[in-house]
Amino acid sequence: MTGVRIEKPRLFQSTKDILLTLGVLLLVTFFTVGFTGLCSFNPGGPDKSGPVREVDAHSFLTLEARGMNFPLREPKMPEGWVPNSARRSQVGAEPAPLVGWVIDGERYISLRQTSADFKAATQPDQHFRETAGTEEAGGLTWHVFKGEDARPIWVADAGETRLILEGMASHEDMVTAAEITAKTEPMEVSADSQPAEGAPASGGASDSGVAGGAVSDAR
């Protein structure tokens, strides 16, 4: 009895055939995704045309000021600085209300205010930074700290409050923020407001040391 020879599919006959088949499948997938608009290519970098989500920094700071045992400031930043984050963070063992601004849709600076001592204020998160000099702005001396894997911070002692600026921004932006913040008078709190121990955070979860970005923080 003559045996019947079973022909293998051409797909499995050679490596060349396998590669050709995969190439055809990739081309079909590429054109299918391209026509449905599920994929895009932008050689110029990320799209920054979308609007920045704005938060009510005034209401947040007003509520926080009623619960803090130290004065808070509400700096009025220039046009183009959009407040996009507001939350209760922590420096050392002390609360530190934080507000962040996106600048012209590209750069970012945040301000933390706390009653923690100066040493704690120079180490507001887990990142290592070294002293990088001082800057005079708004009548205060700002101590600058920089780290290889950390955003630079500017720290100033404003009496009862330590001010901490942190940013992905230019030197000019940092100077602007420092001058405006230092020259801003502490917020007035109504006489019947009492500091609240362990008051709940306003505007979001506690900060772990990083806004996005971002941009969230990551843009």
N, C-alpha and C. Protein backbone atom coordinates (compact mmCIF):
# COMPACT_ATOMS: atom_id res chain seq x y z
N MET A 1 0.86 -1.20 0.00
CA MET A 1 0.00 0.00 0.00
C MET A 1 0.88 1.23 0.00
N THR A 2 0.58 2.08 -0.94
CA THR A 2 1.40 3.28 -1.07
C THR A 2 0.99 4.31 -0.03
N GLY A 3 1.97 4.82 0.75
CA GLY A 3 1.67 5.83 1.77
C GLY A 3 1.30 7.17 1.16
N VAL A 4 0.46 7.86 1.86
CA VAL A 4 0.04 9.18 1.39
C VAL A 4 0.97 10.23 1.99
N ARG A 5 1.55 11.05 1.16
CA ARG A 5 2.48 12.08 1.63
C ARG A 5 1.69 13.34 2.01
N ILE A 6 1.90 13.77 3.24
CA ILE A 6 1.20 14.98 3.72
C ILE A 6 2.10 16.19 3.52
N GLU A 7 1.62 17.11 2.71
CA GLU A 7 2.40 18.33 2.47
C GLU A 7 2.28 19.29 3.66
N LYS A 8 3.43 19.78 4.11
CA LYS A 8 3.41 20.80 5.17
C LYS A 8 2.99 22.15 4.60
N PRO A 9 2.31 22.95 5.38
CA PRO A 9 1.98 24.31 4.92
C PRO A 9 3.27 25.07 4.60
N ARG A 10 3.23 25.92 3.57
CA ARG A 10 4.43 26.66 3.18
C ARG A 10 4.95 27.53 4.30
N LEU A 11 4.08 27.91 5.22
CA LEU A 11 4.48 28.77 6.33
C LEU A 11 5.61 28.14 7.15
N PHE A 12 5.62 26.80 7.15
CA PHE A 12 6.59 26.11 8.00
C PHE A 12 7.73 25.48 7.19
N GLN A 13 7.86 25.85 5.93
CA GLN A 13 8.86 25.19 5.11
C GLN A 13 10.26 25.78 5.28
N SER A 14 10.37 27.09 5.55
CA SER A 14 11.70 27.69 5.68
C SER A 14 11.64 28.95 6.53
N THR A 15 12.81 29.34 7.02
CA THR A 15 12.90 30.58 7.80
C THR A 15 12.53 31.78 6.94
N LYS A 16 12.90 31.73 5.67
CA LYS A 16 12.58 32.83 4.77
C LYS A 16 11.08 33.03 4.68
N ASP A 17 10.34 31.93 4.56
CA ASP A 17 8.88 32.02 4.47
C ASP A 17 8.28 32.60 5.74
N ILE A 18 8.85 32.21 6.90
CA ILE A 18 8.34 32.72 8.18
C ILE A 18 8.54 34.22 8.27
N LEU A 19 9.74 34.68 7.86
CA LEU A 19 10.02 36.12 7.93
C LEU A 19 9.13 36.91 6.98
N LEU A 20 8.89 36.36 5.78
CA LEU A 20 8.01 37.05 4.83
C LEU A 20 6.59 37.15 5.37
N THR A 21 6.14 36.07 6.01
CA THR A 21 4.79 36.07 6.57
C THR A 21 4.66 37.10 7.69
N LEU A 22 5.68 37.15 8.58
CA LEU A 22 5.66 38.15 9.66
C LEU A 22 5.68 39.56 9.12
N GLY A 23 6.45 39.78 8.04
CA GLY A 23 6.51 41.11 7.44
C GLY A 23 5.16 41.55 6.92
N VAL A 24 4.45 40.63 6.27
CA VAL A 24 3.11 40.94 5.75
C VAL A 24 2.16 41.27 6.90
N LEU A 25 2.22 40.48 7.98
CA LEU A 25 1.35 40.73 9.13
C LEU A 25 1.63 42.09 9.76
N LEU A 26 2.92 42.47 9.87
CA LEU A 26 3.27 43.77 10.45
C LEU A 26 2.76 44.91 9.59
N LEU A 27 2.86 44.77 8.24
CA LEU A 27 2.37 45.82 7.35
C LEU A 27 0.86 45.98 7.48
N VAL A 28 0.15 44.85 7.54
CA VAL A 28 -1.30 44.90 7.68
C VAL A 28 -1.69 45.59 8.98
N THR A 29 -0.98 45.23 10.09
CA THR A 29 -1.26 45.83 11.39
C THR A 29 -0.99 47.32 11.37
N PHE A 30 0.14 47.72 10.76
CA PHE A 30 0.51 49.14 10.70
C PHE A 30 -0.55 49.97 10.00
N PHE A 31 -0.97 49.50 8.82
CA PHE A 31 -1.97 50.26 8.07
C PHE A 31 -3.32 50.27 8.75
N THR A 32 -3.67 49.17 9.41
CA THR A 32 -4.95 49.11 10.12
C THR A 32 -4.99 50.11 11.26
N VAL A 33 -3.93 50.13 12.09
CA VAL A 33 -3.86 51.07 13.21
C VAL A 33 -3.78 52.50 12.72
N GLY A 34 -3.02 52.73 11.64
CA GLY A 34 -2.88 54.09 11.12
C GLY A 34 -4.20 54.66 10.64
N PHE A 35 -4.98 53.84 9.92
CA PHE A 35 -6.25 54.33 9.40
C PHE A 35 -7.29 54.53 10.48
N THR A 36 -7.20 53.78 11.58
CA THR A 36 -8.20 53.93 12.65
C THR A 36 -7.84 55.05 13.61
N GLY A 37 -6.63 55.63 13.46
CA GLY A 37 -6.26 56.76 14.31
C GLY A 37 -5.86 56.39 15.71
N LEU A 38 -5.54 55.10 15.95
CA LEU A 38 -5.19 54.67 17.30
C LEU A 38 -3.72 54.89 17.61
N CYS A 39 -2.97 55.36 16.65
CA CYS A 39 -1.54 55.59 16.86
C CYS A 39 -1.15 56.87 16.16
N SER A 40 -0.21 57.61 16.76
CA SER A 40 0.24 58.84 16.13
C SER A 40 1.74 58.98 16.32
N PHE A 41 2.37 59.77 15.45
CA PHE A 41 3.81 59.99 15.54
C PHE A 41 4.07 61.48 15.52
N ASN A 42 4.85 61.96 16.49
CA ASN A 42 5.13 63.38 16.58
C ASN A 42 6.62 63.58 16.78
N PRO A 43 7.38 63.82 15.68
CA PRO A 43 8.83 63.93 15.79
C PRO A 43 9.27 65.16 16.56
N GLY A 44 8.38 66.11 16.81
CA GLY A 44 8.76 67.33 17.50
C GLY A 44 8.67 67.25 19.01
N GLY A 45 8.34 66.09 19.58
CA GLY A 45 8.25 65.97 21.02
C GLY A 45 6.81 65.87 21.47
N PRO A 46 6.57 65.85 22.80
CA PRO A 46 5.22 65.68 23.33
C PRO A 46 4.33 66.87 22.99
N ASP A 47 3.04 66.59 22.84
CA ASP A 47 2.07 67.62 22.55
C ASP A 47 1.76 68.42 23.79
N LYS A 48 2.04 69.74 23.75
CA LYS A 48 1.82 70.60 24.91
C LYS A 48 0.67 71.58 24.66
N SER A 49 -0.16 71.26 23.65
CA SER A 49 -1.22 72.20 23.28
C SER A 49 -2.43 72.09 24.18
N GLY A 50 -2.55 71.03 24.96
CA GLY A 50 -3.72 70.86 25.81
C GLY A 50 -3.72 71.82 26.97
N PRO A 51 -4.90 72.17 27.48
CA PRO A 51 -4.99 73.10 28.61
C PRO A 51 -4.50 72.46 29.90
N VAL A 52 -3.93 73.28 30.78
CA VAL A 52 -3.47 72.82 32.09
C VAL A 52 -4.65 72.80 33.04
N ARG A 53 -4.79 71.72 33.79
CA ARG A 53 -5.88 71.62 34.76
C ARG A 53 -5.61 72.60 35.91
N GLU A 54 -6.50 73.54 36.14
CA GLU A 54 -6.31 74.56 37.16
C GLU A 54 -7.07 74.19 38.43
N VAL A 55 -6.42 74.41 39.58
CA VAL A 55 -7.06 74.14 40.87
C VAL A 55 -7.30 75.46 41.60
N ASP A 56 -8.17 75.41 42.59
CA ASP A 56 -8.50 76.60 43.38
C ASP A 56 -7.53 76.72 44.55
N ALA A 57 -6.37 77.31 44.27
CA ALA A 57 -5.33 77.44 45.30
C ALA A 57 -5.77 78.34 46.44
N HIS A 58 -6.57 79.35 46.12
CA HIS A 58 -7.02 80.28 47.15
C HIS A 58 -7.85 79.57 48.22
N SER A 59 -8.84 78.80 47.77
CA SER A 59 -9.69 78.08 48.73
C SER A 59 -8.88 77.08 49.55
N PHE A 60 -7.95 76.40 48.88
CA PHE A 60 -7.12 75.42 49.59
C PHE A 60 -6.29 76.09 50.68
N LEU A 61 -5.60 77.18 50.33
CA LEU A 61 -4.75 77.85 51.32
C LEU A 61 -5.57 78.48 52.44
N THR A 62 -6.76 78.97 52.10
CA THR A 62 -7.62 79.56 53.13
C THR A 62 -8.02 78.50 54.16
N LEU A 63 -8.40 77.32 53.69
CA LEU A 63 -8.76 76.24 54.60
C LEU A 63 -7.55 75.77 55.41
N GLU A 64 -6.41 75.66 54.74
CA GLU A 64 -5.20 75.21 55.44
C GLU A 64 -4.75 76.21 56.50
N ALA A 65 -4.88 77.49 56.19
CA ALA A 65 -4.46 78.53 57.14
C ALA A 65 -5.25 78.44 58.44
N ARG A 66 -6.51 78.02 58.36
CA ARG A 66 -7.34 77.89 59.56
C ARG A 66 -6.93 76.70 60.42
N GLY A 67 -6.20 75.76 59.80
CA GLY A 67 -5.82 74.58 60.55
C GLY A 67 -4.35 74.52 60.95
N MET A 68 -3.59 75.55 60.57
CA MET A 68 -2.16 75.57 60.88
C MET A 68 -1.86 76.45 62.09
N ASN A 69 -0.80 76.13 62.81
CA ASN A 69 -0.37 76.96 63.94
C ASN A 69 0.79 77.88 63.55
N PHE A 70 0.92 78.12 62.23
CA PHE A 70 1.93 79.05 61.71
C PHE A 70 1.30 79.78 60.52
N PRO A 71 1.78 80.98 60.21
CA PRO A 71 1.17 81.77 59.13
C PRO A 71 1.50 81.23 57.74
N LEU A 72 0.51 81.31 56.85
CA LEU A 72 0.69 80.92 55.46
C LEU A 72 0.62 82.14 54.57
N ARG A 73 1.30 82.06 53.45
CA ARG A 73 1.24 83.11 52.44
C ARG A 73 0.51 82.60 51.20
N GLU A 74 -0.13 83.54 50.49
CA GLU A 74 -0.78 83.21 49.22
C GLU A 74 -0.18 84.10 48.13
N PRO A 75 0.97 83.73 47.58
CA PRO A 75 1.62 84.58 46.58
C PRO A 75 0.82 84.67 45.29
N LYS A 76 0.76 85.86 44.73
CA LYS A 76 0.07 86.08 43.46
C LYS A 76 1.11 86.05 42.35
N MET A 77 1.19 84.94 41.67
CA MET A 77 2.21 84.75 40.65
C MET A 77 1.83 85.46 39.35
N PRO A 78 2.81 85.68 38.46
CA PRO A 78 2.54 86.42 37.22
C PRO A 78 1.56 85.71 36.30
N GLU A 79 1.11 86.43 35.30
CA GLU A 79 0.23 85.85 34.28
C GLU A 79 0.98 84.73 33.57
N GLY A 80 0.28 83.65 33.30
CA GLY A 80 0.92 82.50 32.66
C GLY A 80 1.34 81.43 33.64
N TRP A 81 1.25 81.76 34.96
CA TRP A 81 1.54 80.77 35.99
C TRP A 81 0.19 80.20 36.45
N VAL A 82 -0.08 78.96 36.11
CA VAL A 82 -1.38 78.35 36.41
C VAL A 82 -1.24 77.39 37.58
N PRO A 83 -1.98 77.62 38.68
CA PRO A 83 -1.93 76.67 39.80
C PRO A 83 -2.60 75.35 39.41
N ASN A 84 -1.84 74.28 39.40
CA ASN A 84 -2.41 73.00 38.97
C ASN A 84 -2.29 71.91 40.02
N SER A 85 -1.76 72.25 41.21
CA SER A 85 -1.69 71.26 42.29
C SER A 85 -1.79 71.97 43.63
N ALA A 86 -2.52 71.36 44.55
CA ALA A 86 -2.67 71.90 45.90
C ALA A 86 -2.98 70.74 46.83
N ARG A 87 -2.09 70.49 47.78
CA ARG A 87 -2.28 69.35 48.66
C ARG A 87 -1.50 69.53 49.96
N ARG A 88 -1.85 68.76 50.95
CA ARG A 88 -1.14 68.74 52.23
C ARG A 88 0.03 67.77 52.12
N SER A 89 1.24 68.26 52.20
CA SER A 89 2.42 67.41 52.24
C SER A 89 2.97 67.42 53.65
N GLN A 90 4.16 66.89 53.83
CA GLN A 90 4.76 66.83 55.16
C GLN A 90 6.26 67.04 55.05
N VAL A 91 6.80 67.82 55.98
CA VAL A 91 8.24 68.03 56.07
C VAL A 91 8.66 67.65 57.48
N GLY A 92 9.54 66.67 57.59
CA GLY A 92 9.84 66.15 58.91
C GLY A 92 8.57 65.55 59.49
N ALA A 93 8.21 66.01 60.67
CA ALA A 93 6.96 65.53 61.29
C ALA A 93 5.87 66.58 61.23
N GLU A 94 6.10 67.65 60.47
CA GLU A 94 5.16 68.78 60.44
C GLU A 94 4.42 68.85 59.11
N PRO A 95 3.16 69.32 59.15
CA PRO A 95 2.41 69.50 57.90
C PRO A 95 3.03 70.61 57.06
N ALA A 96 2.85 70.48 55.74
CA ALA A 96 3.43 71.47 54.83
C ALA A 96 2.51 71.63 53.62
N PRO A 97 1.55 72.55 53.69
CA PRO A 97 0.69 72.80 52.53
C PRO A 97 1.53 73.14 51.30
N LEU A 98 1.16 72.56 50.17
CA LEU A 98 1.93 72.73 48.93
C LEU A 98 1.01 73.21 47.81
N VAL A 99 1.48 74.20 47.07
CA VAL A 99 0.80 74.66 45.86
C VAL A 99 1.84 74.70 44.75
N GLY A 100 1.46 74.19 43.56
CA GLY A 100 2.38 74.19 42.43
C GLY A 100 1.79 74.90 41.23
N TRP A 101 2.66 75.52 40.45
CA TRP A 101 2.24 76.26 39.26
C TRP A 101 2.94 75.72 38.02
N VAL A 102 2.17 75.57 36.93
CA VAL A 102 2.75 75.30 35.61
C VAL A 102 2.96 76.65 34.94
N ILE A 103 4.16 76.87 34.42
CA ILE A 103 4.54 78.17 33.87
C ILE A 103 4.56 78.09 32.35
N ASP A 104 3.69 78.86 31.72
CA ASP A 104 3.60 78.90 30.26
C ASP A 104 3.45 77.51 29.65
N GLY A 105 2.83 76.59 30.41
CA GLY A 105 2.57 75.25 29.90
C GLY A 105 3.79 74.37 29.78
N GLU A 106 4.96 74.83 30.25
CA GLU A 106 6.19 74.06 30.04
C GLU A 106 7.00 73.80 31.31
N ARG A 107 7.02 74.77 32.23
CA ARG A 107 7.88 74.64 33.41
C ARG A 107 7.01 74.54 34.66
N TYR A 108 7.65 74.21 35.79
CA TYR A 108 6.88 73.96 37.00
C TYR A 108 7.66 74.40 38.24
N ILE A 109 6.94 75.05 39.18
CA ILE A 109 7.51 75.43 40.48
C ILE A 109 6.45 75.17 41.54
N SER A 110 6.87 74.62 42.68
CA SER A 110 5.96 74.43 43.80
C SER A 110 6.48 75.17 45.03
N LEU A 111 5.56 75.52 45.91
CA LEU A 111 5.90 76.18 47.17
C LEU A 111 5.31 75.38 48.31
N ARG A 112 6.18 74.96 49.23
CA ARG A 112 5.73 74.35 50.48
C ARG A 112 5.98 75.33 51.61
N GLN A 113 5.07 75.35 52.57
CA GLN A 113 5.21 76.19 53.75
C GLN A 113 5.04 75.32 54.98
N THR A 114 5.96 75.45 55.93
CA THR A 114 5.93 74.57 57.08
C THR A 114 6.54 75.23 58.31
N SER A 115 6.17 74.68 59.47
CA SER A 115 6.76 75.15 60.72
C SER A 115 7.93 74.26 61.14
N ALA A 116 8.28 73.26 60.30
CA ALA A 116 9.42 72.40 60.60
C ALA A 116 10.68 73.24 60.68
N ASP A 117 11.68 72.78 61.43
CA ASP A 117 12.90 73.57 61.58
C ASP A 117 13.66 73.63 60.26
N PHE A 118 14.65 74.50 60.22
CA PHE A 118 15.34 74.77 58.96
C PHE A 118 16.04 73.53 58.42
N LYS A 119 16.65 72.74 59.29
CA LYS A 119 17.34 71.54 58.84
C LYS A 119 16.38 70.58 58.15
N ALA A 120 15.21 70.39 58.73
CA ALA A 120 14.21 69.51 58.11
C ALA A 120 13.74 70.09 56.77
N ALA A 121 13.63 71.41 56.71
CA ALA A 121 13.17 72.06 55.49
C ALA A 121 14.15 71.88 54.34
N THR A 122 15.44 71.71 54.65
CA THR A 122 16.43 71.50 53.61
C THR A 122 16.47 70.05 53.12
N GLN A 123 15.70 69.20 53.79
CA GLN A 123 15.59 67.79 53.39
C GLN A 123 14.11 67.40 53.33
N PRO A 124 13.35 68.02 52.42
CA PRO A 124 11.90 67.82 52.42
C PRO A 124 11.43 66.48 51.87
N ASP A 125 12.32 65.72 51.27
CA ASP A 125 11.94 64.42 50.72
C ASP A 125 13.12 63.46 50.82
N GLN A 126 13.02 62.33 50.13
CA GLN A 126 14.04 61.29 50.26
C GLN A 126 15.25 61.53 49.37
N HIS A 127 15.24 62.56 48.55
CA HIS A 127 16.34 62.81 47.63
C HIS A 127 17.49 63.55 48.31
N PHE A 128 18.71 63.18 47.94
CA PHE A 128 19.90 63.83 48.50
C PHE A 128 20.25 65.08 47.71
N ARG A 129 20.49 66.17 48.43
CA ARG A 129 20.90 67.42 47.81
C ARG A 129 22.06 68.02 48.59
N GLU A 130 22.89 68.78 47.89
CA GLU A 130 24.02 69.45 48.53
C GLU A 130 23.84 70.96 48.44
N THR A 131 24.45 71.67 49.37
CA THR A 131 24.40 73.14 49.35
C THR A 131 25.02 73.65 48.06
N ALA A 132 24.32 74.60 47.41
CA ALA A 132 24.82 75.15 46.15
C ALA A 132 24.85 76.67 46.17
N GLY A 133 24.89 77.25 47.37
CA GLY A 133 24.98 78.70 47.47
C GLY A 133 23.72 79.34 48.02
N THR A 134 23.67 80.64 47.94
CA THR A 134 22.50 81.40 48.42
C THR A 134 22.08 82.43 47.38
N GLU A 135 20.84 82.85 47.49
CA GLU A 135 20.28 83.90 46.64
C GLU A 135 19.53 84.88 47.52
N GLU A 136 19.66 86.17 47.24
CA GLU A 136 18.92 87.20 47.95
C GLU A 136 17.72 87.60 47.10
N ALA A 137 16.53 87.44 47.65
CA ALA A 137 15.32 87.78 46.89
C ALA A 137 14.20 88.16 47.85
N GLY A 138 13.57 89.29 47.60
CA GLY A 138 12.43 89.72 48.39
C GLY A 138 12.76 90.04 49.84
N GLY A 139 14.02 90.33 50.12
CA GLY A 139 14.41 90.66 51.50
C GLY A 139 14.76 89.45 52.34
N LEU A 140 14.74 88.24 51.73
CA LEU A 140 15.11 87.03 52.45
C LEU A 140 16.33 86.37 51.80
N THR A 141 17.05 85.62 52.60
CA THR A 141 18.15 84.83 52.07
C THR A 141 17.64 83.43 51.77
N TRP A 142 17.77 83.02 50.53
CA TRP A 142 17.31 81.70 50.10
C TRP A 142 18.52 80.80 49.93
N HIS A 143 18.49 79.68 50.62
CA HIS A 143 19.57 78.70 50.54
C HIS A 143 19.24 77.69 49.45
N VAL A 144 20.15 77.55 48.50
CA VAL A 144 19.91 76.70 47.34
C VAL A 144 20.55 75.32 47.55
N PHE A 145 19.79 74.28 47.25
CA PHE A 145 20.28 72.91 47.37
C PHE A 145 19.98 72.18 46.06
N LYS A 146 20.99 71.44 45.57
CA LYS A 146 20.84 70.71 44.32
C LYS A 146 21.31 69.27 44.49
N GLY A 147 20.70 68.37 43.73
CA GLY A 147 21.07 66.95 43.76
C GLY A 147 21.08 66.38 42.36
N GLU A 148 21.82 65.29 42.19
CA GLU A 148 21.95 64.69 40.87
C GLU A 148 20.63 64.16 40.35
N ASP A 149 19.84 63.55 41.22
CA ASP A 149 18.56 62.96 40.82
C ASP A 149 17.39 63.66 41.50
N ALA A 150 17.54 64.95 41.77
CA ALA A 150 16.49 65.68 42.49
C ALA A 150 16.32 67.08 41.91
N ARG A 151 15.13 67.59 42.02
CA ARG A 151 14.89 68.97 41.60
C ARG A 151 15.57 69.91 42.59
N PRO A 152 16.10 71.03 42.12
CA PRO A 152 16.69 71.99 43.05
C PRO A 152 15.63 72.61 43.95
N ILE A 153 16.01 72.95 45.16
CA ILE A 153 15.10 73.64 46.08
C ILE A 153 15.77 74.90 46.61
N TRP A 154 14.94 75.90 46.90
CA TRP A 154 15.37 77.14 47.54
C TRP A 154 14.62 77.21 48.87
N VAL A 155 15.35 77.38 49.95
CA VAL A 155 14.74 77.38 51.28
C VAL A 155 15.05 78.69 52.00
N ALA A 156 14.01 79.30 52.58
CA ALA A 156 14.18 80.55 53.33
C ALA A 156 13.48 80.44 54.67
N ASP A 157 14.08 81.06 55.67
CA ASP A 157 13.49 81.12 57.01
C ASP A 157 12.75 82.45 57.13
N ALA A 158 11.42 82.38 57.25
CA ALA A 158 10.60 83.59 57.33
C ALA A 158 9.99 83.73 58.71
N GLY A 159 10.79 83.47 59.74
CA GLY A 159 10.28 83.60 61.11
C GLY A 159 9.61 82.33 61.57
N GLU A 160 8.29 82.37 61.68
CA GLU A 160 7.55 81.19 62.12
C GLU A 160 7.39 80.14 61.01
N THR A 161 7.68 80.54 59.79
CA THR A 161 7.44 79.66 58.64
C THR A 161 8.70 79.46 57.82
N ARG A 162 8.93 78.23 57.38
CA ARG A 162 9.98 77.94 56.43
C ARG A 162 9.33 77.84 55.05
N LEU A 163 9.93 78.50 54.07
CA LEU A 163 9.42 78.52 52.70
C LEU A 163 10.33 77.67 51.83
N ILE A 164 9.75 76.73 51.08
CA ILE A 164 10.52 75.82 50.26
C ILE A 164 10.01 75.87 48.82
N LEU A 165 10.84 76.39 47.93
CA LEU A 165 10.52 76.41 46.51
C LEU A 165 11.24 75.25 45.83
N GLU A 166 10.53 74.53 44.98
CA GLU A 166 11.12 73.41 44.25
C GLU A 166 10.65 73.50 42.81
N GLY A 167 11.56 73.31 41.88
CA GLY A 167 11.09 73.49 40.51
C GLY A 167 11.89 72.86 39.41
N MET A 168 11.19 72.69 38.29
CA MET A 168 11.81 72.38 37.00
C MET A 168 11.61 73.65 36.18
N ALA A 169 12.45 74.62 36.42
CA ALA A 169 12.25 75.94 35.82
C ALA A 169 13.59 76.66 35.70
N SER A 170 13.57 77.81 35.06
CA SER A 170 14.80 78.59 34.89
C SER A 170 15.17 79.32 36.17
N HIS A 171 16.39 79.82 36.22
CA HIS A 171 16.83 80.60 37.38
C HIS A 171 15.97 81.84 37.53
N GLU A 172 15.62 82.45 36.42
CA GLU A 172 14.77 83.66 36.47
C GLU A 172 13.40 83.34 37.07
N ASP A 173 12.85 82.19 36.72
CA ASP A 173 11.56 81.79 37.29
C ASP A 173 11.67 81.61 38.80
N MET A 174 12.75 80.98 39.25
CA MET A 174 12.93 80.75 40.68
C MET A 174 13.08 82.08 41.43
N VAL A 175 13.83 83.01 40.84
CA VAL A 175 13.99 84.33 41.47
C VAL A 175 12.64 85.03 41.55
N THR A 176 11.86 84.96 40.48
CA THR A 176 10.54 85.58 40.48
C THR A 176 9.66 85.01 41.59
N ALA A 177 9.63 83.69 41.70
CA ALA A 177 8.82 83.03 42.73
C ALA A 177 9.31 83.40 44.12
N ALA A 178 10.62 83.45 44.31
CA ALA A 178 11.19 83.79 45.62
C ALA A 178 10.85 85.22 46.02
N GLU A 179 10.99 86.15 45.08
CA GLU A 179 10.70 87.55 45.39
C GLU A 179 9.23 87.76 45.74
N ILE A 180 8.34 87.20 44.92
CA ILE A 180 6.90 87.38 45.16
C ILE A 180 6.49 86.73 46.47
N THR A 181 6.98 85.53 46.72
CA THR A 181 6.61 84.82 47.95
C THR A 181 7.10 85.56 49.18
N ALA A 182 8.35 86.03 49.15
CA ALA A 182 8.93 86.72 50.31
C ALA A 182 8.21 88.03 50.61
N LYS A 183 7.76 88.71 49.57
CA LYS A 183 7.10 90.01 49.75
C LYS A 183 5.61 89.89 50.08
N THR A 184 5.07 88.69 49.99
CA THR A 184 3.64 88.48 50.28
C THR A 184 3.41 88.44 51.79
N GLU A 185 2.46 89.20 52.25
CA GLU A 185 2.12 89.20 53.67
C GLU A 185 1.39 87.92 54.05
N PRO A 186 1.57 87.44 55.28
CA PRO A 186 0.84 86.25 55.73
C PRO A 186 -0.67 86.47 55.63
N MET A 187 -1.39 85.40 55.36
CA MET A 187 -2.83 85.46 55.24
C MET A 187 -3.46 85.79 56.59
N GLU A 188 -4.56 86.54 56.57
CA GLU A 188 -5.30 86.84 57.79
C GLU A 188 -6.31 85.73 58.04
N VAL A 189 -6.31 85.22 59.25
CA VAL A 189 -7.22 84.15 59.63
C VAL A 189 -8.20 84.70 60.65
N SER A 190 -9.49 84.35 60.51
CA SER A 190 -10.51 84.86 61.42
C SER A 190 -10.21 84.45 62.86
N ALA A 191 -10.60 85.29 63.81
CA ALA A 191 -10.28 85.09 65.22
C ALA A 191 -10.86 83.81 65.79
N ASP A 192 -12.00 83.34 65.23
CA ASP A 192 -12.64 82.15 65.79
C ASP A 192 -12.08 80.85 65.23
N SER A 193 -11.07 80.96 64.36
CA SER A 193 -10.45 79.76 63.81
C SER A 193 -9.42 79.23 64.79
N GLN A 194 -9.45 77.94 65.04
CA GLN A 194 -8.52 77.31 65.97
C GLN A 194 -7.67 76.29 65.23
N PRO A 195 -6.38 76.23 65.54
CA PRO A 195 -5.54 75.21 64.91
C PRO A 195 -6.08 73.82 65.19
N ALA A 196 -6.08 73.00 64.18
CA ALA A 196 -6.60 71.64 64.34
C ALA A 196 -5.46 70.64 64.25
N GLU A 197 -5.25 69.90 65.32
CA GLU A 197 -4.21 68.89 65.33
C GLU A 197 -4.61 67.75 64.40
N GLY A 198 -3.71 67.42 63.48
CA GLY A 198 -3.96 66.30 62.59
C GLY A 198 -5.14 66.51 61.69
N ALA A 199 -5.37 67.76 61.29
CA ALA A 199 -6.50 68.04 60.39
C ALA A 199 -6.31 67.28 59.09
N PRO A 200 -7.40 66.83 58.47
CA PRO A 200 -7.29 66.07 57.24
C PRO A 200 -6.73 66.90 56.11
N ALA A 201 -6.09 66.26 55.19
CA ALA A 201 -5.49 66.96 54.06
C ALA A 201 -6.57 67.56 53.18
N SER A 202 -6.24 68.70 52.56
CA SER A 202 -7.18 69.34 51.65
C SER A 202 -6.61 69.26 50.25
N GLY A 203 -7.46 68.97 49.28
CA GLY A 203 -7.07 69.01 47.89
C GLY A 203 -6.30 67.82 47.40
N GLY A 204 -6.20 66.74 48.16
CA GLY A 204 -5.52 65.56 47.66
C GLY A 204 -4.78 64.82 48.74
N ALA A 205 -4.06 63.78 48.33
CA ALA A 205 -3.33 62.93 49.26
C ALA A 205 -2.05 63.60 49.71
N SER A 206 -1.45 63.07 50.76
CA SER A 206 -0.20 63.65 51.26
C SER A 206 0.90 63.45 50.24
N ASP A 207 1.88 64.33 50.27
CA ASP A 207 2.95 64.32 49.31
C ASP A 207 4.04 63.35 49.72
N SER A 208 4.58 62.60 48.75
CA SER A 208 5.61 61.61 49.05
C SER A 208 6.99 62.07 48.64
N GLY A 209 7.11 63.32 48.24
CA GLY A 209 8.41 63.83 47.89
C GLY A 209 8.52 64.25 46.44
N VAL A 210 7.51 64.09 45.66
CA VAL A 210 7.54 64.53 44.29
C VAL A 210 6.41 65.52 44.10
N ALA A 211 4.28 66.51 40.49
CA ALA A 211 3.65 67.03 39.85
C ALA A 211 3.34 67.49 38.66
N GLY A 212 3.23 65.82 38.53
CA GLY A 212 2.87 66.26 37.61
C GLY A 212 2.25 66.87 37.22
N GLY A 213 3.97 64.68 36.79
CA GLY A 213 3.79 65.58 36.39
C GLY A 213 2.53 65.41 35.99
N ALA A 214 2.23 66.42 36.76
CA ALA A 214 2.39 66.61 35.86
C ALA A 214 1.79 66.45 35.19
N VAL A 215 2.60 66.96 35.81
CA VAL A 215 2.51 66.86 34.93
C VAL A 215 2.53 65.64 35.06
N SER A 216 1.79 65.81 35.85
CA SER A 216 1.93 65.01 36.87
C SER A 216 3.12 64.39 36.68
N ASP A 217 3.28 65.06 37.31
CA ASP A 217 4.50 65.44 37.21
C ASP A 217 5.17 64.86 36.16
N ALA A 218 4.45 64.48 35.74
CA ALA A 218 5.20 64.11 34.61
C ALA A 218 4.47 64.59 33.43
N ARG A 219 5.13 65.35 32.79
CA ARG A 219 4.50 65.83 31.59
C ARG A 219 4.82 64.86 30.52
